[in-house]
């Protein structure tokens, strides 16, 4: 069974197009591929001159250069927590099935006790019900805990990782591109300075 069989050919194409646009937007805001993992794990040590300036510099440079790695690690941590929690798996499966059903009935009128529920109303009700279910079952707590663990591990790595020459150069380049964008007056989405920022981030 394909997506077109569930949502219909026209709606499935719209969903795929929205996903493609989302991927382009993620790249535009700086989502990047992971740096080499050998480089990511090399030269880890608590800084000898431990002070606020050094910590800030390490966090900034390492985050900008290794953000793809941090996202990959966070995904693995969240996945491990989910796999260890059958309740969370159940809630996520229900949420996924609900989203499919919501999209499949997007253009279908639904009347409840004489009240016509349009797509926006159904989406709000579905979101509220999913949130309450996640809170009641503890699934939300599991997800928040996994994100907290992932964030703590990432922060520890940023502090203990001595920035490489590539990380320092990348930070300077992105800072320069950002300053050019700010000095350009905020730069609209399609302006040259905005595109230059995107190009720098994509190249990084």
Protein backbone atom coordinates (compact mmCIF):
# COMPACT_ATOMS: atom_id res chain seq x y z
CA UNK A 1 0.00 0.00 0.00
CA UNK A 2 1.40 3.36 -1.04
CA UNK A 3 0.80 6.87 0.25
CA UNK A 4 -1.34 7.57 -2.82
CA UNK A 5 -3.64 4.66 -1.91
CA UNK A 6 -4.27 6.18 1.54
CA UNK A 7 -4.41 9.90 0.80
CA UNK A 8 -5.20 9.93 -2.89
CA UNK A 9 -2.86 10.89 -5.72
CA UNK A 10 -3.41 14.66 -5.47
CA UNK A 11 -3.10 14.90 -1.68
CA UNK A 12 -0.09 12.54 -1.54
CA UNK A 13 1.71 14.74 -4.06
CA UNK A 14 0.92 17.81 -1.92
CA UNK A 15 2.33 16.09 1.17
CA UNK A 16 5.51 15.10 -0.64
CA UNK A 17 5.92 18.64 -1.94
CA UNK A 18 5.51 20.02 1.59
CA UNK A 19 8.17 17.60 2.83
CA UNK A 20 10.55 18.71 0.08
CA UNK A 21 9.95 22.36 0.95
CA UNK A 22 10.57 21.56 4.61
CA UNK A 23 13.90 19.94 3.76
CA UNK A 24 14.94 23.03 1.78
CA UNK A 25 13.99 25.29 4.70
CA UNK A 26 15.98 23.17 7.15
CA UNK A 27 19.06 23.50 4.96
CA UNK A 28 18.43 27.25 4.67
CA UNK A 29 18.50 27.75 8.45
CA UNK A 30 21.77 25.90 8.82
CA UNK A 31 21.03 22.18 9.20
CA UNK A 32 24.12 20.42 7.92
CA UNK A 33 25.48 16.94 7.38
CA UNK A 34 27.55 15.47 10.25
CA UNK A 35 31.28 16.16 10.27
CA UNK A 36 33.58 13.11 10.21
CA UNK A 37 32.97 11.09 13.37
CA UNK A 38 36.67 10.58 13.92
CA UNK A 39 37.10 14.33 14.14
CA UNK A 40 34.01 14.55 16.35
CA UNK A 41 35.45 12.13 18.92
CA UNK A 42 39.08 13.27 18.74
CA UNK A 43 40.84 15.55 21.26
CA UNK A 44 38.30 15.44 24.08
CA UNK A 45 39.51 16.90 27.38
CA UNK A 46 38.33 19.34 30.02
CA UNK A 47 39.97 22.72 29.28
CA UNK A 48 42.81 23.58 31.66
CA UNK A 49 41.99 27.29 31.64
CA UNK A 50 38.34 26.68 32.53
CA UNK A 51 36.54 30.02 32.49
CA UNK A 52 33.41 31.54 31.02
CA UNK A 53 35.16 32.95 27.93
CA UNK A 54 36.74 29.61 27.00
CA UNK A 55 33.52 27.70 27.58
CA UNK A 56 31.51 30.17 25.50
CA UNK A 57 34.05 30.01 22.67
CA UNK A 58 34.10 26.21 22.65
CA UNK A 59 30.32 25.90 22.76
CA UNK A 60 29.87 28.39 19.91
CA UNK A 61 32.53 26.98 17.60
CA UNK A 62 31.75 23.33 18.24
CA UNK A 63 27.99 23.81 17.92
CA UNK A 64 28.29 25.58 14.58
CA UNK A 65 30.68 22.97 13.20
CA UNK A 66 29.23 19.77 14.71
CA UNK A 67 25.53 20.60 14.84
CA UNK A 68 24.81 17.80 12.36
CA UNK A 69 26.56 15.33 14.66
CA UNK A 70 24.65 16.60 17.68
CA UNK A 71 21.36 16.16 15.86
CA UNK A 72 22.30 12.61 14.86
CA UNK A 73 23.30 11.76 18.44
CA UNK A 74 20.10 13.28 19.77
CA UNK A 75 18.06 11.18 17.35
CA UNK A 76 19.82 8.02 18.56
CA UNK A 77 19.27 8.91 22.24
CA UNK A 78 15.56 9.66 21.67
CA UNK A 79 15.17 6.42 19.69
CA UNK A 80 16.75 4.39 22.50
CA UNK A 81 14.43 5.93 25.09
CA UNK A 82 11.41 5.28 22.87
CA UNK A 83 12.38 1.66 22.24
CA UNK A 84 12.67 1.10 25.99
CA UNK A 85 9.17 2.49 26.56
CA UNK A 86 6.32 0.44 25.03
CA UNK A 87 3.82 3.08 26.16
CA UNK A 88 5.65 5.77 24.22
CA UNK A 89 5.75 3.54 21.14
CA UNK A 90 2.00 2.99 21.47
CA UNK A 91 1.31 6.74 21.72
CA UNK A 92 3.56 7.53 18.75
CA UNK A 93 1.90 4.85 16.62
CA UNK A 94 -1.53 6.21 17.52
CA UNK A 95 -0.36 9.73 16.68
CA UNK A 96 1.00 8.59 13.32
CA UNK A 97 -2.22 6.75 12.47
CA UNK A 98 -4.22 9.78 13.55
CA UNK A 99 -2.18 12.04 11.26
CA UNK A 100 -2.75 9.70 8.33
CA UNK A 101 -6.48 9.60 9.04
CA UNK A 102 -6.55 13.38 9.42
CA UNK A 103 -4.88 13.89 6.06
CA UNK A 104 -7.01 11.23 4.40
CA UNK A 105 -10.20 13.01 5.47
CA UNK A 106 -8.86 16.51 4.85
CA UNK A 107 -11.48 17.37 2.23
CA UNK A 108 -14.25 15.20 3.68
CA UNK A 109 -16.96 16.90 5.75
CA UNK A 110 -17.49 15.44 9.22
CA UNK A 111 -20.67 16.29 11.12
CA UNK A 112 -20.95 15.61 14.86
CA UNK A 113 -24.34 16.25 16.47
CA UNK A 114 -25.25 18.70 13.75
CA UNK A 115 -21.92 20.55 13.92
CA UNK A 116 -19.69 20.53 10.87
CA UNK A 117 -16.06 20.01 11.90
CA UNK A 118 -13.73 21.48 9.31
CA UNK A 119 -10.13 20.35 8.88
CA UNK A 120 -8.68 23.08 11.10
CA UNK A 121 -11.02 22.20 13.97
CA UNK A 122 -10.27 18.50 13.62
CA UNK A 123 -6.53 19.22 13.60
CA UNK A 124 -6.81 21.25 16.83
CA UNK A 125 -8.87 18.55 18.52
CA UNK A 126 -6.42 15.90 17.39
CA UNK A 127 -3.46 17.91 18.71
CA UNK A 128 -5.10 18.46 22.10
CA UNK A 129 -6.11 14.80 22.41
CA UNK A 130 -2.62 13.62 21.46
CA UNK A 131 -0.99 15.99 23.95
CA UNK A 132 -3.28 14.87 26.78
CA UNK A 133 -2.68 11.22 25.95
CA UNK A 134 1.08 11.79 25.97
CA UNK A 135 0.87 13.52 29.36
CA UNK A 136 -1.41 10.91 30.95
CA UNK A 137 0.63 7.93 29.74
CA UNK A 138 3.99 9.50 30.56
CA UNK A 139 5.12 9.41 26.93
CA UNK A 140 5.73 13.16 26.96
CA UNK A 141 7.93 12.78 30.03
CA UNK A 142 9.94 10.07 28.30
CA UNK A 143 10.53 12.27 25.27
CA UNK A 144 11.47 15.29 27.39
CA UNK A 145 13.86 13.18 29.46
CA UNK A 146 15.52 11.82 26.33
CA UNK A 147 15.96 15.33 24.96
CA UNK A 148 17.42 16.46 28.29
CA UNK A 149 19.94 13.62 28.23
CA UNK A 150 20.83 14.37 24.61
CA UNK A 151 21.26 18.07 25.41
CA UNK A 152 23.46 17.33 28.43
CA UNK A 153 25.70 15.01 26.41
CA UNK A 154 25.97 17.55 23.59
CA UNK A 155 26.85 20.36 25.99
CA UNK A 156 29.49 18.21 27.69
CA UNK A 157 31.03 17.47 24.30
CA UNK A 158 31.03 21.14 23.29
CA UNK A 159 32.87 22.06 26.49
CA UNK A 160 35.39 19.20 26.39
CA UNK A 161 36.08 19.27 22.65
CA UNK A 162 39.00 21.47 21.66
CA UNK A 163 37.82 23.30 18.49
CA UNK A 164 39.76 22.28 15.42
CA UNK A 165 41.13 24.75 12.88
CA UNK A 166 38.20 23.89 10.61
CA UNK A 167 35.70 24.60 13.40
CA UNK A 168 37.30 27.96 14.17
CA UNK A 169 37.38 28.93 10.50
CA UNK A 170 33.77 27.85 10.05
CA UNK A 171 32.68 29.95 13.04
CA UNK A 172 34.48 33.05 11.69
CA UNK A 173 32.93 32.56 8.25
CA UNK A 174 29.41 32.14 9.57
CA UNK A 175 29.80 35.11 11.92
CA UNK A 176 31.03 37.27 9.04
CA UNK A 177 28.13 36.17 6.84
CA UNK A 178 25.65 36.86 9.63
CA UNK A 179 27.08 40.34 10.23
CA UNK A 180 26.80 41.12 6.53
CA UNK A 181 23.19 40.01 6.66
CA UNK A 182 22.44 42.18 9.70
CA UNK A 183 24.19 45.20 8.22
CA UNK A 184 22.14 44.68 5.08
CA UNK A 185 18.99 45.57 6.98
CA UNK A 186 17.63 42.20 7.91
CA UNK A 187 17.69 40.87 4.36
CA UNK A 188 14.56 39.44 2.93
CA UNK A 189 14.43 35.74 2.22
CA UNK A 190 15.52 36.13 -1.40
CA UNK A 191 18.00 38.98 -0.97
CA UNK A 192 21.68 38.48 -1.91
CA UNK A 193 22.90 38.71 1.69
CA UNK A 194 20.36 36.15 2.87
CA UNK A 195 21.30 33.82 0.06
CA UNK A 196 24.97 34.32 0.94
CA UNK A 197 24.29 33.20 4.52
CA UNK A 198 22.50 30.14 3.23
CA UNK A 199 25.33 29.38 0.84
CA UNK A 200 27.91 29.62 3.64
CA UNK A 201 25.90 27.32 5.86
CA UNK A 202 25.30 24.82 3.07
CA UNK A 203 29.00 24.84 2.17
CA UNK A 204 29.88 24.33 5.85
